[in-house]
N, C-alpha and C. Protein backbone atom coordinates (compact mmCIF):
# COMPACT_ATOMS: atom_id res chain seq x y z
N MET A 1 35.38 312.27 237.51
CA MET A 1 35.18 312.96 236.22
C MET A 1 36.38 312.80 235.31
N LEU A 2 37.54 313.00 235.88
CA LEU A 2 38.77 312.86 235.11
C LEU A 2 38.95 311.43 234.63
N LYS A 3 38.55 310.50 235.51
CA LYS A 3 38.67 309.09 235.12
C LYS A 3 37.76 308.77 233.95
N GLN A 4 36.54 309.36 233.95
CA GLN A 4 35.60 309.10 232.86
C GLN A 4 36.12 309.66 231.55
N MET A 5 36.71 310.89 231.64
CA MET A 5 37.26 311.50 230.43
C MET A 5 38.42 310.67 229.89
N GLY A 6 39.25 310.17 230.80
CA GLY A 6 40.38 309.34 230.38
C GLY A 6 39.90 308.07 229.71
N LEU A 7 38.82 307.51 230.27
CA LEU A 7 38.28 306.28 229.68
C LEU A 7 37.74 306.53 228.28
N VAL A 8 37.07 307.67 228.11
CA VAL A 8 36.53 308.03 226.78
C VAL A 8 37.66 308.20 225.79
N LEU A 9 38.70 308.91 226.19
CA LEU A 9 39.85 309.13 225.29
C LEU A 9 40.50 307.80 224.91
N LEU A 10 40.57 306.88 225.88
CA LEU A 10 41.18 305.58 225.61
C LEU A 10 40.36 304.80 224.59
N VAL A 11 39.03 304.85 224.77
CA VAL A 11 38.13 304.16 223.82
C VAL A 11 38.27 304.74 222.44
N LEU A 12 38.30 306.09 222.32
CA LEU A 12 38.45 306.76 221.01
C LEU A 12 39.76 306.38 220.34
N ALA A 13 40.82 306.32 221.19
CA ALA A 13 42.13 305.96 220.63
C ALA A 13 42.12 304.54 220.08
N MET A 14 41.49 303.60 220.80
CA MET A 14 41.42 302.22 220.35
C MET A 14 40.61 302.09 219.08
N MET A 15 39.48 302.87 218.99
CA MET A 15 38.65 302.84 217.78
C MET A 15 39.44 303.37 216.57
N SER A 16 40.21 304.41 216.78
CA SER A 16 41.03 304.97 215.69
C SER A 16 42.05 303.95 215.20
N LEU A 17 42.65 303.22 216.19
CA LEU A 17 43.66 302.22 215.83
C LEU A 17 43.05 301.09 215.02
N VAL A 18 41.84 300.63 215.45
CA VAL A 18 41.16 299.56 214.72
C VAL A 18 40.80 300.00 213.29
N SER A 19 40.33 301.26 213.16
CA SER A 19 39.98 301.78 211.82
C SER A 19 41.20 301.84 210.92
N ALA A 20 42.31 302.25 211.53
CA ALA A 20 43.55 302.34 210.74
C ALA A 20 43.98 300.97 210.25
N CYS A 21 43.86 299.96 211.14
CA CYS A 21 44.24 298.59 210.76
C CYS A 21 43.36 298.08 209.63
N ARG A 22 42.04 298.34 209.74
CA ARG A 22 41.13 297.91 208.68
C ARG A 22 41.47 298.57 207.36
N SER A 23 41.82 299.87 207.43
CA SER A 23 42.18 300.60 206.19
C SER A 23 43.41 300.00 205.57
N ASP A 24 44.42 299.65 206.40
CA ASP A 24 45.65 299.06 205.88
C ASP A 24 45.38 297.73 205.22
N ASN A 25 44.56 296.88 205.85
CA ASN A 25 44.26 295.57 205.31
C ASN A 25 43.52 295.67 203.99
N THR A 26 42.65 296.64 203.85
CA THR A 26 41.92 296.84 202.62
C THR A 26 42.86 297.19 201.48
N ASP A 27 43.81 298.08 201.69
CA ASP A 27 44.77 298.47 200.65
C ASP A 27 45.61 297.28 200.21
N LYS A 28 46.06 296.48 201.17
CA LYS A 28 46.93 295.35 200.85
C LYS A 28 46.19 294.30 200.03
N THR A 29 44.86 294.22 200.19
CA THR A 29 44.08 293.25 199.45
C THR A 29 43.79 293.73 198.03
N VAL A 30 43.48 295.01 197.89
CA VAL A 30 43.10 295.57 196.59
C VAL A 30 44.30 295.67 195.67
N ARG A 31 45.45 296.12 196.13
CA ARG A 31 46.61 296.36 195.27
C ARG A 31 47.13 295.09 194.57
N PRO A 32 47.23 293.95 195.32
CA PRO A 32 47.66 292.75 194.59
C PRO A 32 46.69 292.35 193.50
N GLU A 33 45.38 292.53 193.72
CA GLU A 33 44.40 292.18 192.69
C GLU A 33 44.57 293.07 191.47
N THR A 34 44.78 294.35 191.71
CA THR A 34 44.99 295.28 190.60
C THR A 34 46.24 294.91 189.82
N THR A 35 47.32 294.58 190.53
CA THR A 35 48.57 294.19 189.88
C THR A 35 48.39 292.93 189.04
N MET A 36 47.65 291.96 189.56
CA MET A 36 47.41 290.72 188.82
C MET A 36 46.63 290.97 187.54
N GLU A 37 45.67 291.88 187.58
CA GLU A 37 44.90 292.19 186.38
C GLU A 37 45.79 292.76 185.30
N VAL A 38 46.70 293.66 185.68
CA VAL A 38 47.64 294.25 184.71
C VAL A 38 48.53 293.18 184.12
N GLN A 39 49.03 292.29 185.00
CA GLN A 39 49.90 291.21 184.50
C GLN A 39 49.16 290.31 183.51
N ASN A 40 47.90 290.00 183.83
CA ASN A 40 47.12 289.15 182.93
C ASN A 40 46.91 289.81 181.58
N LYS A 41 46.66 291.11 181.58
CA LYS A 41 46.49 291.84 180.32
C LYS A 41 47.76 291.79 179.50
N ASP A 42 48.90 291.98 180.19
CA ASP A 42 50.18 291.93 179.48
C ASP A 42 50.43 290.55 178.89
N GLN A 43 50.05 289.51 179.62
CA GLN A 43 50.26 288.15 179.13
C GLN A 43 49.41 287.86 177.90
N VAL A 44 48.24 288.46 177.80
CA VAL A 44 47.39 288.26 176.62
C VAL A 44 48.01 288.94 175.41
N LYS A 45 48.60 290.11 175.59
CA LYS A 45 49.17 290.85 174.47
C LYS A 45 50.50 290.26 174.01
N GLU A 46 51.21 289.62 174.95
CA GLU A 46 52.56 289.17 174.66
C GLU A 46 52.69 288.28 173.44
N PRO A 47 51.83 287.25 173.23
CA PRO A 47 52.01 286.36 172.08
C PRO A 47 51.89 287.06 170.74
N TYR A 48 51.22 288.24 170.69
CA TYR A 48 51.02 288.91 169.41
C TYR A 48 52.25 289.69 168.96
N ASN A 49 53.00 290.26 169.93
CA ASN A 49 54.15 291.05 169.50
C ASN A 49 55.45 290.58 170.13
N ASN A 50 55.36 289.70 171.16
CA ASN A 50 56.54 289.17 171.82
C ASN A 50 57.51 290.26 172.26
N GLY A 51 56.96 291.44 172.57
CA GLY A 51 57.80 292.51 173.05
C GLY A 51 58.59 293.20 171.97
N ILE A 52 58.30 292.90 170.69
CA ILE A 52 59.04 293.49 169.57
C ILE A 52 58.13 294.44 168.83
N ASN A 53 58.65 295.64 168.57
CA ASN A 53 57.88 296.62 167.81
C ASN A 53 57.84 296.20 166.34
N THR A 54 56.67 296.08 165.77
CA THR A 54 56.54 295.67 164.38
C THR A 54 56.01 296.81 163.55
N THR A 55 56.47 296.88 162.31
CA THR A 55 56.01 297.91 161.39
C THR A 55 55.09 297.30 160.38
N PRO A 56 53.90 297.86 160.16
CA PRO A 56 52.96 297.30 159.18
C PRO A 56 53.62 297.15 157.83
N GLY A 57 53.41 296.01 157.20
CA GLY A 57 53.98 295.78 155.88
C GLY A 57 55.33 295.08 155.92
N LYS A 58 55.92 294.98 157.11
CA LYS A 58 57.23 294.34 157.23
C LYS A 58 57.16 293.11 158.12
N GLU A 59 55.96 292.62 158.38
CA GLU A 59 55.79 291.50 159.29
C GLU A 59 56.20 290.18 158.65
N SER A 60 56.14 290.09 157.32
CA SER A 60 56.52 288.85 156.65
C SER A 60 57.51 289.16 155.55
N ILE A 61 58.44 288.23 155.32
CA ILE A 61 59.47 288.40 154.29
C ILE A 61 58.99 287.71 153.02
N LYS A 62 59.02 288.44 151.92
CA LYS A 62 58.57 287.87 150.66
C LYS A 62 59.57 286.83 150.18
N LYS A 63 59.05 285.70 149.73
CA LYS A 63 59.89 284.63 149.23
C LYS A 63 60.21 284.86 147.75
N PHE A 64 61.41 284.46 147.37
CA PHE A 64 61.82 284.60 145.98
C PHE A 64 61.03 283.65 145.09
N SER A 65 60.67 284.10 143.90
CA SER A 65 60.01 283.25 142.90
C SER A 65 60.55 283.61 141.52
N TYR A 66 60.97 282.59 140.78
CA TYR A 66 61.41 282.85 139.40
C TYR A 66 60.28 283.43 138.58
N LEU A 67 59.07 283.03 138.86
CA LEU A 67 57.92 283.51 138.10
C LEU A 67 57.75 285.02 138.26
N LYS A 68 58.07 285.53 139.46
CA LYS A 68 57.91 286.97 139.72
C LYS A 68 58.94 287.81 138.96
N GLN A 69 59.91 287.17 138.33
CA GLN A 69 60.89 287.91 137.54
C GLN A 69 60.34 288.27 136.16
N LEU A 70 59.20 287.68 135.80
CA LEU A 70 58.55 288.00 134.53
C LEU A 70 57.67 289.23 134.69
N SER A 71 57.28 289.82 133.57
CA SER A 71 56.34 290.93 133.62
C SER A 71 54.99 290.41 134.12
N LEU A 72 54.14 291.31 134.60
CA LEU A 72 52.83 290.90 135.12
C LEU A 72 51.99 290.22 134.04
N ASP A 73 52.08 290.74 132.81
CA ASP A 73 51.32 290.12 131.72
C ASP A 73 51.73 288.67 131.50
N LYS A 74 53.03 288.42 131.56
CA LYS A 74 53.52 287.06 131.33
C LYS A 74 53.27 286.17 132.54
N GLN A 75 53.28 286.74 133.73
CA GLN A 75 52.89 285.95 134.91
C GLN A 75 51.46 285.46 134.76
N GLU A 76 50.58 286.35 134.31
CA GLU A 76 49.18 285.99 134.12
C GLU A 76 49.03 284.97 133.00
N ALA A 77 49.82 285.14 131.92
CA ALA A 77 49.76 284.20 130.80
C ALA A 77 50.21 282.81 131.26
N PHE A 78 51.25 282.75 132.07
CA PHE A 78 51.72 281.45 132.56
C PHE A 78 50.70 280.82 133.50
N THR A 79 50.04 281.63 134.31
CA THR A 79 48.99 281.11 135.20
C THR A 79 47.87 280.48 134.37
N ARG A 80 47.54 281.12 133.26
CA ARG A 80 46.52 280.54 132.36
C ARG A 80 47.03 279.24 131.76
N PHE A 81 48.30 279.21 131.38
CA PHE A 81 48.89 278.01 130.82
C PHE A 81 48.82 276.84 131.81
N LYS A 82 49.12 277.12 133.08
CA LYS A 82 49.06 276.08 134.10
C LYS A 82 47.65 275.50 134.22
N ALA A 83 46.67 276.39 134.11
CA ALA A 83 45.28 275.95 134.28
C ALA A 83 44.76 275.23 133.04
N GLU A 84 45.13 275.75 131.85
CA GLU A 84 44.56 275.24 130.60
C GLU A 84 45.45 274.23 129.89
N LYS A 85 46.75 274.24 130.22
CA LYS A 85 47.76 273.42 129.51
C LYS A 85 47.72 273.71 128.00
N SER A 86 47.49 274.97 127.66
CA SER A 86 47.45 275.39 126.26
C SER A 86 48.68 276.23 125.94
N LEU A 87 49.50 275.74 124.99
CA LEU A 87 50.78 276.38 124.69
C LEU A 87 50.65 277.77 124.08
N HIS A 88 49.49 278.12 123.54
CA HIS A 88 49.37 279.43 122.90
C HIS A 88 49.59 280.57 123.91
N ASN A 89 49.42 280.27 125.19
CA ASN A 89 49.67 281.28 126.22
C ASN A 89 51.15 281.64 126.32
N LEU A 90 52.02 280.80 125.74
CA LEU A 90 53.47 281.02 125.85
C LEU A 90 54.09 281.51 124.54
N TYR A 91 53.28 281.85 123.56
CA TYR A 91 53.80 282.24 122.25
C TYR A 91 54.73 283.45 122.33
N ASN A 92 54.44 284.39 123.21
CA ASN A 92 55.23 285.63 123.27
C ASN A 92 56.41 285.56 124.23
N PHE A 93 56.66 284.39 124.80
CA PHE A 93 57.75 284.27 125.76
C PHE A 93 59.09 284.13 125.02
N THR A 94 60.07 284.88 125.47
CA THR A 94 61.42 284.81 124.90
C THR A 94 62.15 283.59 125.45
N PRO A 95 63.30 283.22 124.86
CA PRO A 95 64.09 282.12 125.43
C PRO A 95 64.46 282.36 126.89
N GLU A 96 64.81 283.61 127.22
CA GLU A 96 65.14 283.93 128.62
C GLU A 96 63.93 283.73 129.53
N ASP A 97 62.75 284.17 129.06
CA ASP A 97 61.52 283.97 129.84
C ASP A 97 61.29 282.49 130.11
N MET A 98 61.50 281.67 129.08
CA MET A 98 61.23 280.24 129.23
C MET A 98 62.21 279.56 130.19
N VAL A 99 63.44 280.06 130.25
CA VAL A 99 64.39 279.52 131.23
C VAL A 99 63.92 279.85 132.64
N LEU A 100 63.39 281.06 132.85
CA LEU A 100 62.85 281.42 134.16
C LEU A 100 61.63 280.56 134.50
N VAL A 101 60.79 280.30 133.50
CA VAL A 101 59.64 279.42 133.70
C VAL A 101 60.12 278.01 134.08
N TYR A 102 61.13 277.53 133.37
CA TYR A 102 61.68 276.20 133.65
C TYR A 102 62.22 276.11 135.08
N LEU A 103 62.98 277.13 135.50
CA LEU A 103 63.53 277.13 136.86
C LEU A 103 62.41 277.22 137.90
N TYR A 104 61.36 277.93 137.56
CA TYR A 104 60.20 277.97 138.46
C TYR A 104 59.59 276.57 138.60
N CYS A 105 59.45 275.87 137.50
CA CYS A 105 58.89 274.51 137.52
C CYS A 105 59.78 273.57 138.33
N LEU A 106 61.11 273.76 138.23
CA LEU A 106 62.03 272.96 139.05
C LEU A 106 61.82 273.27 140.52
N SER A 107 61.64 274.54 140.84
CA SER A 107 61.53 274.94 142.25
C SER A 107 60.28 274.39 142.92
N ILE A 108 59.21 274.17 142.14
CA ILE A 108 57.99 273.60 142.73
C ILE A 108 57.90 272.09 142.48
N GLY A 109 58.89 271.54 141.77
CA GLY A 109 58.95 270.09 141.56
C GLY A 109 57.77 269.53 140.80
N ASP A 110 57.43 270.15 139.66
CA ASP A 110 56.25 269.72 138.89
C ASP A 110 56.69 269.13 137.55
N PRO A 111 56.86 267.81 137.45
CA PRO A 111 57.32 267.19 136.20
C PRO A 111 56.32 267.31 135.06
N ASP A 112 55.04 267.44 135.37
CA ASP A 112 54.05 267.57 134.29
C ASP A 112 54.19 268.91 133.57
N LEU A 113 54.45 269.97 134.33
CA LEU A 113 54.71 271.27 133.70
C LEU A 113 56.02 271.25 132.93
N ILE A 114 57.04 270.61 133.51
CA ILE A 114 58.33 270.50 132.84
C ILE A 114 58.18 269.74 131.52
N TYR A 115 57.39 268.71 131.53
CA TYR A 115 57.15 267.92 130.32
C TYR A 115 56.56 268.79 129.21
N GLU A 116 55.62 269.65 129.58
CA GLU A 116 54.95 270.50 128.59
C GLU A 116 55.90 271.48 127.92
N ILE A 117 56.93 271.93 128.64
CA ILE A 117 57.83 272.94 128.08
C ILE A 117 59.18 272.35 127.69
N THR A 118 59.26 271.01 127.62
CA THR A 118 60.50 270.35 127.21
C THR A 118 60.46 270.04 125.72
N TYR A 119 61.53 270.40 125.03
CA TYR A 119 61.63 270.14 123.59
C TYR A 119 61.56 268.64 123.33
N ASN A 120 60.69 268.26 122.39
CA ASN A 120 60.49 266.84 122.10
C ASN A 120 61.44 266.35 121.03
N GLY A 121 61.27 266.82 119.81
CA GLY A 121 62.14 266.40 118.73
C GLY A 121 62.14 264.91 118.51
N GLY A 122 61.02 264.24 118.89
CA GLY A 122 60.91 262.81 118.70
C GLY A 122 61.65 261.98 119.72
N GLN A 123 62.16 262.60 120.81
CA GLN A 123 62.97 261.85 121.77
C GLN A 123 62.28 261.63 123.11
N LEU A 124 61.21 262.36 123.40
CA LEU A 124 60.57 262.23 124.71
C LEU A 124 59.75 260.95 124.83
N PRO A 125 59.78 260.33 126.00
CA PRO A 125 58.88 259.20 126.26
C PRO A 125 57.48 259.76 126.54
N ASN A 126 56.53 258.90 126.83
CA ASN A 126 55.21 259.41 127.18
C ASN A 126 55.27 260.10 128.54
N GLN A 127 54.23 260.85 128.85
CA GLN A 127 54.24 261.69 130.04
C GLN A 127 54.38 260.89 131.34
N ASP A 128 53.75 259.74 131.41
CA ASP A 128 53.84 258.92 132.62
C ASP A 128 55.27 258.44 132.86
N LYS A 129 55.94 257.99 131.80
CA LYS A 129 57.32 257.53 131.91
C LYS A 129 58.24 258.70 132.29
N PHE A 130 58.00 259.85 131.69
CA PHE A 130 58.80 261.05 131.99
C PHE A 130 58.66 261.40 133.48
N ARG A 131 57.42 261.39 133.97
CA ARG A 131 57.17 261.73 135.37
C ARG A 131 57.88 260.76 136.30
N GLU A 132 57.79 259.48 135.97
CA GLU A 132 58.43 258.45 136.79
C GLU A 132 59.93 258.64 136.84
N ASP A 133 60.56 258.84 135.67
CA ASP A 133 62.01 259.03 135.61
C ASP A 133 62.43 260.31 136.32
N TYR A 134 61.61 261.34 136.18
CA TYR A 134 61.96 262.62 136.80
C TYR A 134 62.02 262.50 138.31
N PHE A 135 60.98 261.93 138.90
CA PHE A 135 60.95 261.78 140.35
C PHE A 135 62.09 260.91 140.86
N GLU A 136 62.41 259.86 140.11
CA GLU A 136 63.42 258.90 140.57
C GLU A 136 64.85 259.38 140.36
N TYR A 137 65.11 260.06 139.23
CA TYR A 137 66.49 260.36 138.87
C TYR A 137 66.87 261.83 138.86
N ALA A 138 65.95 262.72 138.58
CA ALA A 138 66.32 264.12 138.31
C ALA A 138 65.92 265.12 139.38
N MET A 139 64.90 264.82 140.15
CA MET A 139 64.31 265.84 141.02
C MET A 139 65.31 266.42 142.02
N ASN A 140 66.12 265.58 142.64
CA ASN A 140 67.08 266.08 143.62
C ASN A 140 68.09 267.03 143.00
N TYR A 141 68.61 266.68 141.83
CA TYR A 141 69.55 267.55 141.14
C TYR A 141 68.89 268.89 140.77
N ASP A 142 67.68 268.78 140.24
CA ASP A 142 67.00 269.99 139.76
C ASP A 142 66.61 270.94 140.88
N SER A 143 66.22 270.40 142.03
CA SER A 143 65.87 271.27 143.15
C SER A 143 67.09 272.04 143.64
N GLU A 144 68.27 271.41 143.60
CA GLU A 144 69.51 272.09 143.96
C GLU A 144 69.82 273.21 142.97
N THR A 145 69.59 272.94 141.69
CA THR A 145 69.81 273.95 140.66
C THR A 145 68.90 275.15 140.87
N ALA A 146 67.64 274.90 141.17
CA ALA A 146 66.67 275.98 141.38
C ALA A 146 67.07 276.86 142.55
N VAL A 147 67.58 276.25 143.61
CA VAL A 147 68.01 277.03 144.78
C VAL A 147 69.29 277.79 144.47
N HIS A 148 70.21 277.15 143.76
CA HIS A 148 71.54 277.73 143.50
C HIS A 148 71.46 279.02 142.68
N TYR A 149 70.54 279.08 141.72
CA TYR A 149 70.51 280.22 140.80
C TYR A 149 69.40 281.23 141.13
N ARG A 150 68.80 281.13 142.32
CA ARG A 150 67.66 281.99 142.61
C ARG A 150 68.04 283.47 142.69
N TYR A 151 69.28 283.78 143.04
CA TYR A 151 69.70 285.18 143.10
C TYR A 151 70.68 285.47 141.96
N TYR A 152 70.27 285.09 140.77
CA TYR A 152 71.14 285.22 139.60
C TYR A 152 71.48 286.69 139.32
N ASP A 153 72.66 286.88 138.73
CA ASP A 153 73.11 288.23 138.36
C ASP A 153 72.63 288.62 136.96
N SER A 154 72.64 287.64 136.06
CA SER A 154 72.25 287.96 134.68
C SER A 154 71.69 286.72 134.00
N ILE A 155 70.87 286.97 132.99
CA ILE A 155 70.34 285.90 132.15
C ILE A 155 70.29 286.45 130.73
N ARG A 156 70.89 285.74 129.78
CA ARG A 156 70.99 286.26 128.42
C ARG A 156 71.19 285.13 127.42
N VAL A 157 70.88 285.43 126.17
CA VAL A 157 71.14 284.49 125.07
C VAL A 157 72.60 284.62 124.66
N ASP A 158 73.26 283.49 124.46
CA ASP A 158 74.63 283.48 123.94
C ASP A 158 74.55 283.71 122.44
N GLU A 159 74.73 284.95 122.05
CA GLU A 159 74.57 285.33 120.63
C GLU A 159 75.59 284.65 119.73
N SER A 160 76.73 284.26 120.27
CA SER A 160 77.78 283.66 119.44
C SER A 160 77.37 282.28 118.90
N THR A 161 76.41 281.63 119.54
CA THR A 161 75.99 280.30 119.10
C THR A 161 74.52 280.28 118.64
N ALA A 162 73.91 281.46 118.59
CA ALA A 162 72.46 281.52 118.31
C ALA A 162 72.16 281.17 116.85
N GLU A 163 71.11 280.38 116.66
CA GLU A 163 70.57 280.08 115.34
C GLU A 163 69.12 280.56 115.29
N GLU A 164 68.48 280.40 114.15
CA GLU A 164 67.14 280.95 114.00
C GLU A 164 66.15 280.40 115.02
N ASN A 165 66.13 279.09 115.18
CA ASN A 165 65.19 278.46 116.11
C ASN A 165 65.89 277.66 117.20
N LYS A 166 67.14 278.00 117.47
CA LYS A 166 67.90 277.26 118.45
C LYS A 166 68.93 278.18 119.10
N VAL A 167 68.83 278.35 120.43
CA VAL A 167 69.76 279.24 121.13
C VAL A 167 70.20 278.58 122.44
N THR A 168 71.23 279.16 123.04
CA THR A 168 71.67 278.77 124.37
C THR A 168 71.50 279.96 125.30
N VAL A 169 70.85 279.74 126.41
CA VAL A 169 70.64 280.81 127.39
C VAL A 169 71.60 280.58 128.56
N LEU A 170 72.31 281.64 128.93
CA LEU A 170 73.24 281.58 130.05
C LEU A 170 72.66 282.32 131.24
N ILE A 171 72.60 281.65 132.39
CA ILE A 171 72.18 282.31 133.62
C ILE A 171 73.36 282.23 134.57
N THR A 172 73.72 283.38 135.16
CA THR A 172 74.95 283.49 135.94
C THR A 172 74.66 284.00 137.34
N VAL A 173 75.35 283.41 138.31
CA VAL A 173 75.24 283.86 139.70
C VAL A 173 76.64 284.01 140.27
N SER A 174 76.85 285.04 141.07
CA SER A 174 78.16 285.29 141.69
C SER A 174 78.03 285.36 143.20
N VAL A 175 78.96 284.70 143.88
CA VAL A 175 79.05 284.75 145.33
C VAL A 175 80.49 285.08 145.69
N GLU A 176 80.67 286.27 146.26
CA GLU A 176 82.02 286.76 146.55
C GLU A 176 82.86 286.74 145.27
N THR A 177 83.92 285.95 145.25
CA THR A 177 84.79 285.93 144.07
C THR A 177 84.49 284.75 143.15
N THR A 178 83.46 283.97 143.47
CA THR A 178 83.13 282.79 142.67
C THR A 178 81.93 283.07 141.77
N THR A 179 82.03 282.67 140.52
CA THR A 179 80.95 282.84 139.55
C THR A 179 80.58 281.50 138.93
N HIS A 180 79.28 281.23 138.88
CA HIS A 180 78.78 280.00 138.27
C HIS A 180 77.81 280.37 137.14
N SER A 181 77.90 279.65 136.04
CA SER A 181 76.99 279.86 134.91
C SER A 181 76.35 278.53 134.51
N LEU A 182 75.08 278.61 134.17
CA LEU A 182 74.35 277.45 133.70
C LEU A 182 73.92 277.71 132.26
N ALA A 183 74.30 276.82 131.35
CA ALA A 183 73.94 276.97 129.94
C ALA A 183 72.81 276.00 129.62
N LEU A 184 71.70 276.52 129.13
CA LEU A 184 70.54 275.69 128.80
C LEU A 184 70.15 275.89 127.34
N GLY A 185 70.05 274.78 126.62
CA GLY A 185 69.62 274.85 125.23
C GLY A 185 68.12 275.07 125.14
N VAL A 186 67.71 275.95 124.22
CA VAL A 186 66.29 276.25 124.02
C VAL A 186 66.01 276.18 122.52
N GLN A 187 64.97 275.42 122.15
CA GLN A 187 64.61 275.30 120.74
C GLN A 187 63.13 275.62 120.54
N LYS A 188 62.83 276.22 119.40
CA LYS A 188 61.43 276.56 119.13
C LYS A 188 60.71 275.35 118.54
N GLU A 189 59.56 275.04 119.13
CA GLU A 189 58.75 273.91 118.68
C GLU A 189 57.29 274.28 118.89
N ASN A 190 56.49 274.16 117.82
CA ASN A 190 55.07 274.54 117.90
C ASN A 190 54.89 275.98 118.37
N GLN A 191 55.74 276.87 117.85
CA GLN A 191 55.70 278.31 118.11
C GLN A 191 56.07 278.69 119.54
N VAL A 192 56.64 277.75 120.28
CA VAL A 192 57.04 278.02 121.67
C VAL A 192 58.51 277.65 121.85
N TRP A 193 59.27 278.51 122.53
CA TRP A 193 60.63 278.18 122.88
C TRP A 193 60.59 277.15 124.02
N LYS A 194 61.15 275.96 123.77
CA LYS A 194 61.13 274.90 124.76
C LYS A 194 62.54 274.52 125.19
N LEU A 195 62.63 273.96 126.40
CA LEU A 195 63.93 273.59 126.96
C LEU A 195 64.40 272.24 126.42
N ASP A 196 65.59 272.24 125.86
CA ASP A 196 66.18 270.99 125.35
C ASP A 196 66.97 270.35 126.49
N ILE A 197 66.26 269.70 127.40
CA ILE A 197 66.90 269.22 128.64
C ILE A 197 66.70 267.72 128.89
N TYR A 198 66.05 267.02 127.97
CA TYR A 198 65.81 265.60 128.25
C TYR A 198 67.12 264.80 128.30
N HIS A 199 68.14 265.25 127.56
CA HIS A 199 69.43 264.55 127.60
C HIS A 199 70.03 264.60 129.00
N LEU A 200 69.68 265.65 129.79
CA LEU A 200 70.18 265.74 131.16
C LEU A 200 69.57 264.65 132.03
N ILE A 201 68.28 264.41 131.83
CA ILE A 201 67.60 263.36 132.59
C ILE A 201 68.19 261.99 132.23
N LYS A 202 68.49 261.80 130.94
CA LYS A 202 69.09 260.54 130.52
C LYS A 202 70.47 260.35 131.15
N GLU A 203 71.20 261.45 131.32
CA GLU A 203 72.50 261.37 131.98
C GLU A 203 72.35 260.95 133.44
N TYR A 204 71.34 261.50 134.11
CA TYR A 204 71.09 261.11 135.50
C TYR A 204 70.74 259.62 135.59
N ILE A 205 69.96 259.14 134.61
CA ILE A 205 69.58 257.72 134.59
C ILE A 205 70.82 256.85 134.39
N ASN A 206 71.68 257.26 133.46
CA ASN A 206 72.91 256.49 133.20
C ASN A 206 73.83 256.49 134.42
N LYS A 207 73.91 257.64 135.10
CA LYS A 207 74.75 257.75 136.29
C LYS A 207 74.24 256.80 137.38
N ALA A 208 72.92 256.75 137.54
CA ALA A 208 72.32 255.87 138.55
C ALA A 208 72.57 254.40 138.20
N SER A 209 72.49 254.08 136.90
CA SER A 209 72.71 252.70 136.46
C SER A 209 74.13 252.25 136.74
N LYS A 210 75.11 253.14 136.49
CA LYS A 210 76.50 252.81 136.71
C LYS A 210 76.82 252.62 138.19
N SER A 211 76.15 253.41 139.03
CA SER A 211 76.41 253.30 140.48
C SER A 211 75.86 252.00 141.05
N LYS A 212 74.89 251.40 140.35
CA LYS A 212 74.30 250.14 140.83
C LYS A 212 75.16 248.94 140.45
N THR A 213 75.98 249.10 139.39
CA THR A 213 76.79 247.97 138.91
C THR A 213 78.12 247.86 139.67
C-alpha cells in the first residue's frame, strides 16, 4: 500500500514538473514575439520624427525673399506683372520697391524680367541679345549680389543727388564692424521707375574681353 502511494506521488510530481517546463517554454516564446512587435512599431515611427520632438509650424524654415519685403498689394501686383508682362502693374512702385524687385529678379536668375524693368534710354539691345549677354557675362556677379544683400539693414533714396525722374537708391548691409552699400541708379520711363544697370553688364563684357586678350 505504501509503495502504491509512493508511486502515485512520484507520478504527480513528474506531471507537475512537466507542466512547469511547458509553462516556462511558452513564456519564453511569447515574450520575444511581443518585444519584436514593439521594435517594429518603433522602427516605423522613427523616420517621421527621428527621435526629435517637433512643434507644429516650426518644421520648416522660411526662406528669405526680396519680394516678401514688399506690401501684400505690391506682391500681388508684381505677380500679375510676371504673368501679363504689363508695366501698368508697377506704376505705384517707388524707387526702393523697384530695387527690391530687381534684386528678386537677380536671385531667381530671370533675364527676361530684368530686361522689362531695365531703363532703356535708347541703349538696350533686343531682348534675345540681352538674355544671351546676361547669362554669359552678368549672371554670376548678380547672383552673388543678391545673396550678399539679402539681410540688408536699410534701403533709401539718396536725397542729395535726387532729381525729378532720376534717383540713386542705396541699400546697406552690415556684418559685425563691416558695412557694405550698393548704389543703384533708377530712372522713370513709361511711368515706371526702372533700373539704370545696363552699363554694368557692358562693364562685365569689357572685363571678359580684356581677360581673353
